[in-house]
Amino acid sequence: MLKALFSTAILLVLLNLNLNAQNLKLGVVDVQTVIMQMPEAQSADQMLKDITLKYQDTIGRMRKELEEKLDRKLPLNGHDEDIDTIGGL
């Protein structure tokens, strides 16, 4: 009798596990898509683009000034020495 009750209890547990397994649902979430659709992420992205553009403009302007100084052979450090004479060249 005890064996029958034990067997019935195990059978009920196994059936319950089987029913719960059938209700189990899995899903996949693309976190990058979700985050990029958030207003905060969009404003942060725009802010980064603006800062990048500002720094690229500054670097471009500095490069142009450097090239102009090199073309005119002006010293880079503000001294009156000619670039050709720096370092014994």
PDB file of N, CA and C in Angstrom:
ATOM      1  N   MET A   1       0.824  -1.191   0.000  1.00  0.00           N
ATOM      2  CA  MET A   1       0.000   0.000   0.000  1.00  0.00           C
ATOM      3  C   MET A   1       0.873   1.262   0.000  1.00  0.00           C
ATOM      4  N   LEU A   2       1.905   1.215   0.808  1.00  0.00           N
ATOM      5  CA  LEU A   2       2.813   2.353   0.863  1.00  0.00           C
ATOM      6  C   LEU A   2       3.521   2.552  -0.474  1.00  0.00           C
ATOM      7  N   LYS A   3       3.829   1.425  -1.109  1.00  0.00           N
ATOM      8  CA  LYS A   3       4.459   1.507  -2.424  1.00  0.00           C
ATOM      9  C   LYS A   3       3.524   2.136  -3.444  1.00  0.00           C
ATOM     10  N   ALA A   4       2.270   1.847  -3.379  1.00  0.00           N
ATOM     11  CA  ALA A   4       1.290   2.396  -4.311  1.00  0.00           C
ATOM     12  C   ALA A   4       1.133   3.894  -4.111  1.00  0.00           C
ATOM     13  N   LEU A   5       1.101   4.358  -2.870  1.00  0.00           N
ATOM     14  CA  LEU A   5       0.992   5.797  -2.598  1.00  0.00           C
ATOM     15  C   LEU A   5       2.249   6.537  -3.077  1.00  0.00           C
ATOM     16  N   PHE A   6       3.392   5.939  -2.818  1.00  0.00           N
ATOM     17  CA  PHE A   6       4.645   6.544  -3.248  1.00  0.00           C
ATOM     18  C   PHE A   6       4.713   6.633  -4.766  1.00  0.00           C
ATOM     19  N   SER A   7       4.308   5.581  -5.443  1.00  0.00           N
ATOM     20  CA  SER A   7       4.295   5.566  -6.908  1.00  0.00           C
ATOM     21  C   SER A   7       3.325   6.593  -7.454  1.00  0.00           C
ATOM     22  N   THR A   8       2.171   6.718  -6.826  1.00  0.00           N
ATOM     23  CA  THR A   8       1.177   7.702  -7.264  1.00  0.00           C
ATOM     24  C   THR A   8       1.708   9.120  -7.067  1.00  0.00           C
ATOM     25  N   ALA A   9       2.364   9.354  -5.949  1.00  0.00           N
ATOM     26  CA  ALA A   9       2.912  10.684  -5.684  1.00  0.00           C
ATOM     27  C   ALA A   9       3.975  11.046  -6.726  1.00  0.00           C
ATOM     28  N   ILE A  10       4.849  10.122  -7.042  1.00  0.00           N
ATOM     29  CA  ILE A  10       5.883  10.366  -8.049  1.00  0.00           C
ATOM     30  C   ILE A  10       5.249  10.595  -9.412  1.00  0.00           C
ATOM     31  N   LEU A  11       4.225   9.844  -9.737  1.00  0.00           N
ATOM     32  CA  LEU A  11       3.530  10.006 -11.017  1.00  0.00           C
ATOM     33  C   LEU A  11       2.900  11.388 -11.115  1.00  0.00           C
ATOM     34  N   LEU A  12       2.289  11.861 -10.022  1.00  0.00           N
ATOM     35  CA  LEU A  12       1.677  13.194 -10.017  1.00  0.00           C
ATOM     36  C   LEU A  12       2.741  14.291 -10.166  1.00  0.00           C
ATOM     37  N   VAL A  13       3.874  14.125  -9.518  1.00  0.00           N
ATOM     38  CA  VAL A  13       4.953  15.106  -9.638  1.00  0.00           C
ATOM     39  C   VAL A  13       5.470  15.141 -11.068  1.00  0.00           C
ATOM     40  N   LEU A  14       5.684  14.001 -11.664  1.00  0.00           N
ATOM     41  CA  LEU A  14       6.167  13.948 -13.043  1.00  0.00           C
ATOM     42  C   LEU A  14       5.163  14.544 -14.011  1.00  0.00           C
ATOM     43  N   LEU A  15       3.882  14.286 -13.818  1.00  0.00           N
ATOM     44  CA  LEU A  15       2.858  14.877 -14.675  1.00  0.00           C
ATOM     45  C   LEU A  15       2.827  16.393 -14.527  1.00  0.00           C
ATOM     46  N   ASN A  16       2.986  16.868 -13.291  1.00  0.00           N
ATOM     47  CA  ASN A  16       2.995  18.302 -13.045  1.00  0.00           C
ATOM     48  C   ASN A  16       4.199  18.962 -13.725  1.00  0.00           C
ATOM     49  N   LEU A  17       5.357  18.311 -13.657  1.00  0.00           N
ATOM     50  CA  LEU A  17       6.544  18.848 -14.329  1.00  0.00           C
ATOM     51  C   LEU A  17       6.347  18.881 -15.836  1.00  0.00           C
ATOM     52  N   ASN A  18       5.716  17.859 -16.371  1.00  0.00           N
ATOM     53  CA  ASN A  18       5.467  17.800 -17.803  1.00  0.00           C
ATOM     54  C   ASN A  18       4.523  18.923 -18.233  1.00  0.00           C
ATOM     55  N   LEU A  19       3.481  19.177 -17.440  1.00  0.00           N
ATOM     56  CA  LEU A  19       2.533  20.239 -17.777  1.00  0.00           C
ATOM     57  C   LEU A  19       3.205  21.614 -17.694  1.00  0.00           C
ATOM     58  N   ASN A  20       4.045  21.800 -16.691  1.00  0.00           N
ATOM     59  CA  ASN A  20       4.752  23.078 -16.572  1.00  0.00           C
ATOM     60  C   ASN A  20       5.739  23.274 -17.718  1.00  0.00           C
ATOM     61  N   ALA A  21       6.355  22.220 -18.182  1.00  0.00           N
ATOM     62  CA  ALA A  21       7.301  22.316 -19.292  1.00  0.00           C
ATOM     63  C   ALA A  21       6.596  22.712 -20.578  1.00  0.00           C
ATOM     64  N   GLN A  22       5.351  22.296 -20.744  1.00  0.00           N
ATOM     65  CA  GLN A  22       4.618  22.653 -21.957  1.00  0.00           C
ATOM     66  C   GLN A  22       4.225  24.125 -21.958  1.00  0.00           C
ATOM     67  N   ASN A  23       4.096  24.730 -20.803  1.00  0.00           N
ATOM     68  CA  ASN A  23       3.737  26.149 -20.720  1.00  0.00           C
ATOM     69  C   ASN A  23       4.954  27.064 -20.773  1.00  0.00           C
ATOM     70  N   LEU A  24       6.129  26.499 -20.760  1.00  0.00           N
ATOM     71  CA  LEU A  24       7.348  27.277 -20.786  1.00  0.00           C
ATOM     72  C   LEU A  24       7.530  27.915 -22.166  1.00  0.00           C
ATOM     73  N   LYS A  25       7.752  29.221 -22.155  1.00  0.00           N
ATOM     74  CA  LYS A  25       7.947  29.937 -23.413  1.00  0.00           C
ATOM     75  C   LYS A  25       9.257  30.708 -23.334  1.00  0.00           C
ATOM     76  N   LEU A  26       9.996  30.664 -24.394  1.00  0.00           N
ATOM     77  CA  LEU A  26      11.266  31.369 -24.475  1.00  0.00           C
ATOM     78  C   LEU A  26      11.163  32.475 -25.512  1.00  0.00           C
ATOM     79  N   GLY A  27      11.918  33.525 -25.297  1.00  0.00           N
ATOM     80  CA  GLY A  27      11.934  34.618 -26.252  1.00  0.00           C
ATOM     81  C   GLY A  27      13.335  35.191 -26.368  1.00  0.00           C
ATOM     82  N   VAL A  28      13.569  35.876 -27.453  1.00  0.00           N
ATOM     83  CA  VAL A  28      14.856  36.508 -27.693  1.00  0.00           C
ATOM     84  C   VAL A  28      14.609  38.001 -27.834  1.00  0.00           C
ATOM     85  N   VAL A  29      15.431  38.793 -27.151  1.00  0.00           N
ATOM     86  CA  VAL A  29      15.287  40.239 -27.193  1.00  0.00           C
ATOM     87  C   VAL A  29      16.572  40.832 -27.753  1.00  0.00           C
ATOM     88  N   ASP A  30      16.448  41.670 -28.757  1.00  0.00           N
ATOM     89  CA  ASP A  30      17.600  42.384 -29.309  1.00  0.00           C
ATOM     90  C   ASP A  30      17.784  43.658 -28.481  1.00  0.00           C
ATOM     91  N   VAL A  31      18.681  43.586 -27.521  1.00  0.00           N
ATOM     92  CA  VAL A  31      18.867  44.668 -26.558  1.00  0.00           C
ATOM     93  C   VAL A  31      19.318  45.947 -27.258  1.00  0.00           C
ATOM     94  N   GLN A  32      20.165  45.829 -28.256  1.00  0.00           N
ATOM     95  CA  GLN A  32      20.660  47.015 -28.964  1.00  0.00           C
ATOM     96  C   GLN A  32      19.513  47.774 -29.620  1.00  0.00           C
ATOM     97  N   THR A  33      18.584  47.052 -30.232  1.00  0.00           N
ATOM     98  CA  THR A  33      17.442  47.707 -30.869  1.00  0.00           C
ATOM     99  C   THR A  33      16.576  48.400 -29.835  1.00  0.00           C
ATOM    100  N   VAL A  34      16.348  47.753 -28.721  1.00  0.00           N
ATOM    101  CA  VAL A  34      15.514  48.344 -27.671  1.00  0.00           C
ATOM    102  C   VAL A  34      16.165  49.603 -27.133  1.00  0.00           C
ATOM    103  N   ILE A  35      17.462  49.541 -26.859  1.00  0.00           N
ATOM    104  CA  ILE A  35      18.154  50.701 -26.299  1.00  0.00           C
ATOM    105  C   ILE A  35      18.197  51.852 -27.296  1.00  0.00           C
ATOM    106  N   MET A  36      18.450  51.557 -28.564  1.00  0.00           N
ATOM    107  CA  MET A  36      18.542  52.623 -29.564  1.00  0.00           C
ATOM    108  C   MET A  36      17.202  53.309 -29.812  1.00  0.00           C
ATOM    109  N   GLN A  37      16.111  52.680 -29.444  1.00  0.00           N
ATOM    110  CA  GLN A  37      14.803  53.301 -29.611  1.00  0.00           C
ATOM    111  C   GLN A  37      14.410  54.163 -28.413  1.00  0.00           C
ATOM    112  N   MET A  38      15.202  54.113 -27.353  1.00  0.00           N
ATOM    113  CA  MET A  38      14.916  54.926 -26.174  1.00  0.00           C
ATOM    114  C   MET A  38      15.260  56.383 -26.470  1.00  0.00           C
ATOM    115  N   PRO A  39      14.426  57.326 -26.054  1.00  0.00           N
ATOM    116  CA  PRO A  39      14.707  58.747 -26.301  1.00  0.00           C
ATOM    117  C   PRO A  39      16.037  59.197 -25.693  1.00  0.00           C
ATOM    118  N   GLU A  40      16.382  58.650 -24.525  1.00  0.00           N
ATOM    119  CA  GLU A  40      17.643  59.023 -23.887  1.00  0.00           C
ATOM    120  C   GLU A  40      18.829  58.607 -24.744  1.00  0.00           C
ATOM    121  N   ALA A  41      18.741  57.433 -25.336  1.00  0.00           N
ATOM    122  CA  ALA A  41      19.832  56.942 -26.176  1.00  0.00           C
ATOM    123  C   ALA A  41      19.945  57.791 -27.446  1.00  0.00           C
ATOM    124  N   GLN A  42      18.828  58.187 -27.991  1.00  0.00           N
ATOM    125  CA  GLN A  42      18.857  59.006 -29.203  1.00  0.00           C
ATOM    126  C   GLN A  42      19.462  60.380 -28.918  1.00  0.00           C
ATOM    127  N   SER A  43      19.115  60.989 -27.783  1.00  0.00           N
ATOM    128  CA  SER A  43      19.685  62.303 -27.461  1.00  0.00           C
ATOM    129  C   SER A  43      21.177  62.185 -27.144  1.00  0.00           C
ATOM    130  N   ALA A  44      21.583  61.106 -26.468  1.00  0.00           N
ATOM    131  CA  ALA A  44      23.007  60.897 -26.189  1.00  0.00           C
ATOM    132  C   ALA A  44      23.776  60.681 -27.486  1.00  0.00           C
ATOM    133  N   ASP A  45      23.199  59.935 -28.421  1.00  0.00           N
ATOM    134  CA  ASP A  45      23.844  59.701 -29.708  1.00  0.00           C
ATOM    135  C   ASP A  45      24.019  61.010 -30.474  1.00  0.00           C
ATOM    136  N   GLN A  46      23.010  61.856 -30.462  1.00  0.00           N
ATOM    137  CA  GLN A  46      23.101  63.152 -31.144  1.00  0.00           C
ATOM    138  C   GLN A  46      24.160  64.032 -30.486  1.00  0.00           C
ATOM    139  N   MET A  47      24.228  63.992 -29.152  1.00  0.00           N
ATOM    140  CA  MET A  47      25.221  64.790 -28.434  1.00  0.00           C
ATOM    141  C   MET A  47      26.633  64.337 -28.801  1.00  0.00           C
ATOM    142  N   LEU A  48      26.843  63.030 -28.890  1.00  0.00           N
ATOM    143  CA  LEU A  48      28.156  62.510 -29.275  1.00  0.00           C
ATOM    144  C   LEU A  48      28.512  62.900 -30.709  1.00  0.00           C
ATOM    145  N   LYS A  49      27.542  62.871 -31.598  1.00  0.00           N
ATOM    146  CA  LYS A  49      27.799  63.277 -32.982  1.00  0.00           C
ATOM    147  C   LYS A  49      28.183  64.750 -33.051  1.00  0.00           C
ATOM    148  N   ASP A  50      27.510  65.599 -32.270  1.00  0.00           N
ATOM    149  CA  ASP A  50      27.820  67.026 -32.259  1.00  0.00           C
ATOM    150  C   ASP A  50      29.229  67.286 -31.729  1.00  0.00           C
ATOM    151  N   ILE A  51      29.581  66.613 -30.643  1.00  0.00           N
ATOM    152  CA  ILE A  51      30.917  66.787 -30.060  1.00  0.00           C
ATOM    153  C   ILE A  51      31.985  66.295 -31.027  1.00  0.00           C
ATOM    154  N   THR A  52      31.731  65.165 -31.680  1.00  0.00           N
ATOM    155  CA  THR A  52      32.692  64.622 -32.644  1.00  0.00           C
ATOM    156  C   THR A  52      32.914  65.600 -33.786  1.00  0.00           C
ATOM    157  N   LEU A  53      31.847  66.179 -34.297  1.00  0.00           N
ATOM    158  CA  LEU A  53      31.961  67.151 -35.386  1.00  0.00           C
ATOM    159  C   LEU A  53      32.769  68.365 -34.940  1.00  0.00           C
ATOM    160  N   LYS A  54      32.520  68.833 -33.721  1.00  0.00           N
ATOM    161  CA  LYS A  54      33.240  69.987 -33.192  1.00  0.00           C
ATOM    162  C   LYS A  54      34.739  69.688 -33.108  1.00  0.00           C
ATOM    163  N   TYR A  55      35.086  68.517 -32.572  1.00  0.00           N
ATOM    164  CA  TYR A  55      36.502  68.169 -32.449  1.00  0.00           C
ATOM    165  C   TYR A  55      37.141  67.939 -33.812  1.00  0.00           C
ATOM    166  N   GLN A  56      36.425  67.367 -34.745  1.00  0.00           N
ATOM    167  CA  GLN A  56      36.982  67.170 -36.087  1.00  0.00           C
ATOM    168  C   GLN A  56      37.257  68.508 -36.751  1.00  0.00           C
ATOM    169  N   ASP A  57      36.358  69.478 -36.554  1.00  0.00           N
ATOM    170  CA  ASP A  57      36.586  70.818 -37.108  1.00  0.00           C
ATOM    171  C   ASP A  57      37.821  71.459 -36.482  1.00  0.00           C
ATOM    172  N   THR A  58      37.955  71.327 -35.169  1.00  0.00           N
ATOM    173  CA  THR A  58      39.110  71.905 -34.471  1.00  0.00           C
ATOM    174  C   THR A  58      40.405  71.268 -34.943  1.00  0.00           C
ATOM    175  N   ILE A  59      40.416  69.952 -35.050  1.00  0.00           N
ATOM    176  CA  ILE A  59      41.622  69.257 -35.510  1.00  0.00           C
ATOM    177  C   ILE A  59      41.949  69.646 -36.950  1.00  0.00           C
ATOM    178  N   GLY A  60      40.946  69.771 -37.787  1.00  0.00           N
ATOM    179  CA  GLY A  60      41.171  70.188 -39.176  1.00  0.00           C
ATOM    180  C   GLY A  60      41.761  71.575 -39.255  1.00  0.00           C
ATOM    181  N   ARG A  61      41.247  72.480 -38.431  1.00  0.00           N
ATOM    182  CA  ARG A  61      41.765  73.845 -38.414  1.00  0.00           C
ATOM    183  C   ARG A  61      43.213  73.860 -37.912  1.00  0.00           C
ATOM    184  N   MET A  62      43.495  73.085 -36.868  1.00  0.00           N
ATOM    185  CA  MET A  62      44.858  73.029 -36.336  1.00  0.00           C
ATOM    186  C   MET A  62      45.819  72.423 -37.354  1.00  0.00           C
ATOM    187  N   ARG A  63      45.379  71.405 -38.078  1.00  0.00           N
ATOM    188  CA  ARG A  63      46.227  70.791 -39.107  1.00  0.00           C
ATOM    189  C   ARG A  63      46.531  71.803 -40.211  1.00  0.00           C
ATOM    190  N   LYS A  64      45.513  72.567 -40.596  1.00  0.00           N
ATOM    191  CA  LYS A  64      45.709  73.560 -41.648  1.00  0.00           C
ATOM    192  C   LYS A  64      46.700  74.635 -41.200  1.00  0.00           C
ATOM    193  N   GLU A  65      46.572  75.092 -39.943  1.00  0.00           N
ATOM    194  CA  GLU A  65      47.507  76.088 -39.418  1.00  0.00           C
ATOM    195  C   GLU A  65      48.929  75.533 -39.385  1.00  0.00           C
ATOM    196  N   LEU A  66      49.065  74.279 -38.980  1.00  0.00           N
ATOM    197  CA  LEU A  66      50.389  73.657 -38.933  1.00  0.00           C
ATOM    198  C   LEU A  66      50.992  73.559 -40.331  1.00  0.00           C
ATOM    199  N   GLU A  67      50.200  73.150 -41.295  1.00  0.00           N
ATOM    200  CA  GLU A  67      50.696  73.049 -42.668  1.00  0.00           C
ATOM    201  C   GLU A  67      51.098  74.410 -43.205  1.00  0.00           C
ATOM    202  N   GLU A  68      50.327  75.454 -42.872  1.00  0.00           N
ATOM    203  CA  GLU A  68      50.670  76.800 -43.317  1.00  0.00           C
ATOM    204  C   GLU A  68      51.982  77.253 -42.683  1.00  0.00           C
ATOM    205  N   LYS A  69      52.171  76.944 -41.392  1.00  0.00           N
ATOM    206  CA  LYS A  69      53.426  77.318 -40.738  1.00  0.00           C
ATOM    207  C   LYS A  69      54.598  76.576 -41.349  1.00  0.00           C
ATOM    208  N   LEU A  70      54.415  75.313 -41.651  1.00  0.00           N
ATOM    209  CA  LEU A  70      55.489  74.544 -42.274  1.00  0.00           C
ATOM    210  C   LEU A  70      55.786  75.062 -43.674  1.00  0.00           C
ATOM    211  N   ASP A  71      54.755  75.448 -44.405  1.00  0.00           N
ATOM    212  CA  ASP A  71      54.972  75.993 -45.752  1.00  0.00           C
ATOM    213  C   ASP A  71      55.729  77.313 -45.693  1.00  0.00           C
ATOM    214  N   ARG A  72      55.464  78.131 -44.681  1.00  0.00           N
ATOM    215  CA  ARG A  72      56.138  79.416 -44.533  1.00  0.00           C
ATOM    216  C   ARG A  72      57.431  79.280 -43.740  1.00  0.00           C
ATOM    217  N   LYS A  73      57.717  78.061 -43.280  1.00  0.00           N
ATOM    218  CA  LYS A  73      58.905  77.771 -42.473  1.00  0.00           C
ATOM    219  C   LYS A  73      58.953  78.627 -41.231  1.00  0.00           C
ATOM    220  N   LEU A  74      57.813  78.784 -40.593  1.00  0.00           N
ATOM    221  CA  LEU A  74      57.771  79.479 -39.315  1.00  0.00           C
ATOM    222  C   LEU A  74      58.045  78.475 -38.211  1.00  0.00           C
ATOM    223  N   PRO A  75      58.713  78.905 -37.150  1.00  0.00           N
ATOM    224  CA  PRO A  75      58.968  77.980 -36.044  1.00  0.00           C
ATOM    225  C   PRO A  75      57.659  77.604 -35.348  1.00  0.00           C
ATOM    226  N   LEU A  76      57.585  76.369 -34.911  1.00  0.00           N
ATOM    227  CA  LEU A  76      56.378  75.878 -34.269  1.00  0.00           C
ATOM    228  C   LEU A  76      56.276  76.316 -32.818  1.00  0.00           C
ATOM    229  N   ASN A  77      57.420  76.586 -32.165  1.00  0.00           N
ATOM    230  CA  ASN A  77      57.402  76.884 -30.740  1.00  0.00           C
ATOM    231  C   ASN A  77      57.415  78.387 -30.444  1.00  0.00           C
ATOM    232  N   GLY A  78      57.326  79.204 -31.434  1.00  0.00           N
ATOM    233  CA  GLY A  78      57.259  80.641 -31.228  1.00  0.00           C
ATOM    234  C   GLY A  78      58.607  81.333 -31.184  1.00  0.00           C
ATOM    235  N   HIS A  79      59.722  80.595 -31.291  1.00  0.00           N
ATOM    236  CA  HIS A  79      61.054  81.209 -31.300  1.00  0.00           C
ATOM    237  C   HIS A  79      61.371  81.722 -32.694  1.00  0.00           C
ATOM    238  N   ASP A  80      62.403  82.530 -32.765  1.00  0.00           N
ATOM    239  CA  ASP A  80      62.765  83.142 -34.048  1.00  0.00           C
ATOM    240  C   ASP A  80      63.669  82.263 -34.889  1.00  0.00           C
ATOM    241  N   GLU A  81      63.947  81.041 -34.457  1.00  0.00           N
ATOM    242  CA  GLU A  81      64.833  80.169 -35.229  1.00  0.00           C
ATOM    243  C   GLU A  81      64.102  79.645 -36.464  1.00  0.00           C
ATOM    244  N   ASP A  82      64.861  79.420 -37.503  1.00  0.00           N
ATOM    245  CA  ASP A  82      64.302  78.817 -38.714  1.00  0.00           C
ATOM    246  C   ASP A  82      64.233  77.310 -38.494  1.00  0.00           C
ATOM    247  N   ILE A  83      63.243  76.673 -39.038  1.00  0.00           N
ATOM    248  CA  ILE A  83      63.070  75.231 -38.869  1.00  0.00           C
ATOM    249  C   ILE A  83      64.278  74.474 -39.378  1.00  0.00           C
ATOM    250  N   ASP A  84      64.915  74.953 -40.450  1.00  0.00           N
ATOM    251  CA  ASP A  84      66.045  74.254 -41.034  1.00  0.00           C
ATOM    252  C   ASP A  84      67.246  74.243 -40.087  1.00  0.00           C
ATOM    253  N   THR A  85      67.346  75.216 -39.175  1.00  0.00           N
ATOM    254  CA  THR A  85      68.501  75.288 -38.284  1.00  0.00           C
ATOM    255  C   THR A  85      68.246  74.600 -36.955  1.00  0.00           C
ATOM    256  N   ILE A  86      67.061  74.157 -36.687  1.00  0.00           N
ATOM    257  CA  ILE A  86      66.738  73.488 -35.422  1.00  0.00           C
ATOM    258  C   ILE A  86      67.405  72.139 -35.396  1.00  0.00           C
ATOM    259  N   GLY A  87      68.099  71.850 -34.324  1.00  0.00           N
ATOM    260  CA  GLY A  87      68.729  70.543 -34.170  1.00  0.00           C
ATOM    261  C   GLY A  87      69.941  70.349 -35.050  1.00  0.00           C
ATOM    262  N   GLY A  88      70.520  71.405 -35.566  1.00  0.00           N
ATOM    263  CA  GLY A  88      71.719  71.293 -36.377  1.00  0.00           C
ATOM    264  C   GLY A  88      71.484  70.749 -37.769  1.00  0.00           C
ATOM    265  N   LEU A  89      70.313  70.850 -38.274  1.00  0.00           N
ATOM    266  CA  LEU A  89      70.034  70.350 -39.633  1.00  0.00           C
ATOM    267  C   LEU A  89      70.568  71.287 -40.674  1.00  0.00           C
TER     268      LEU A  89
END
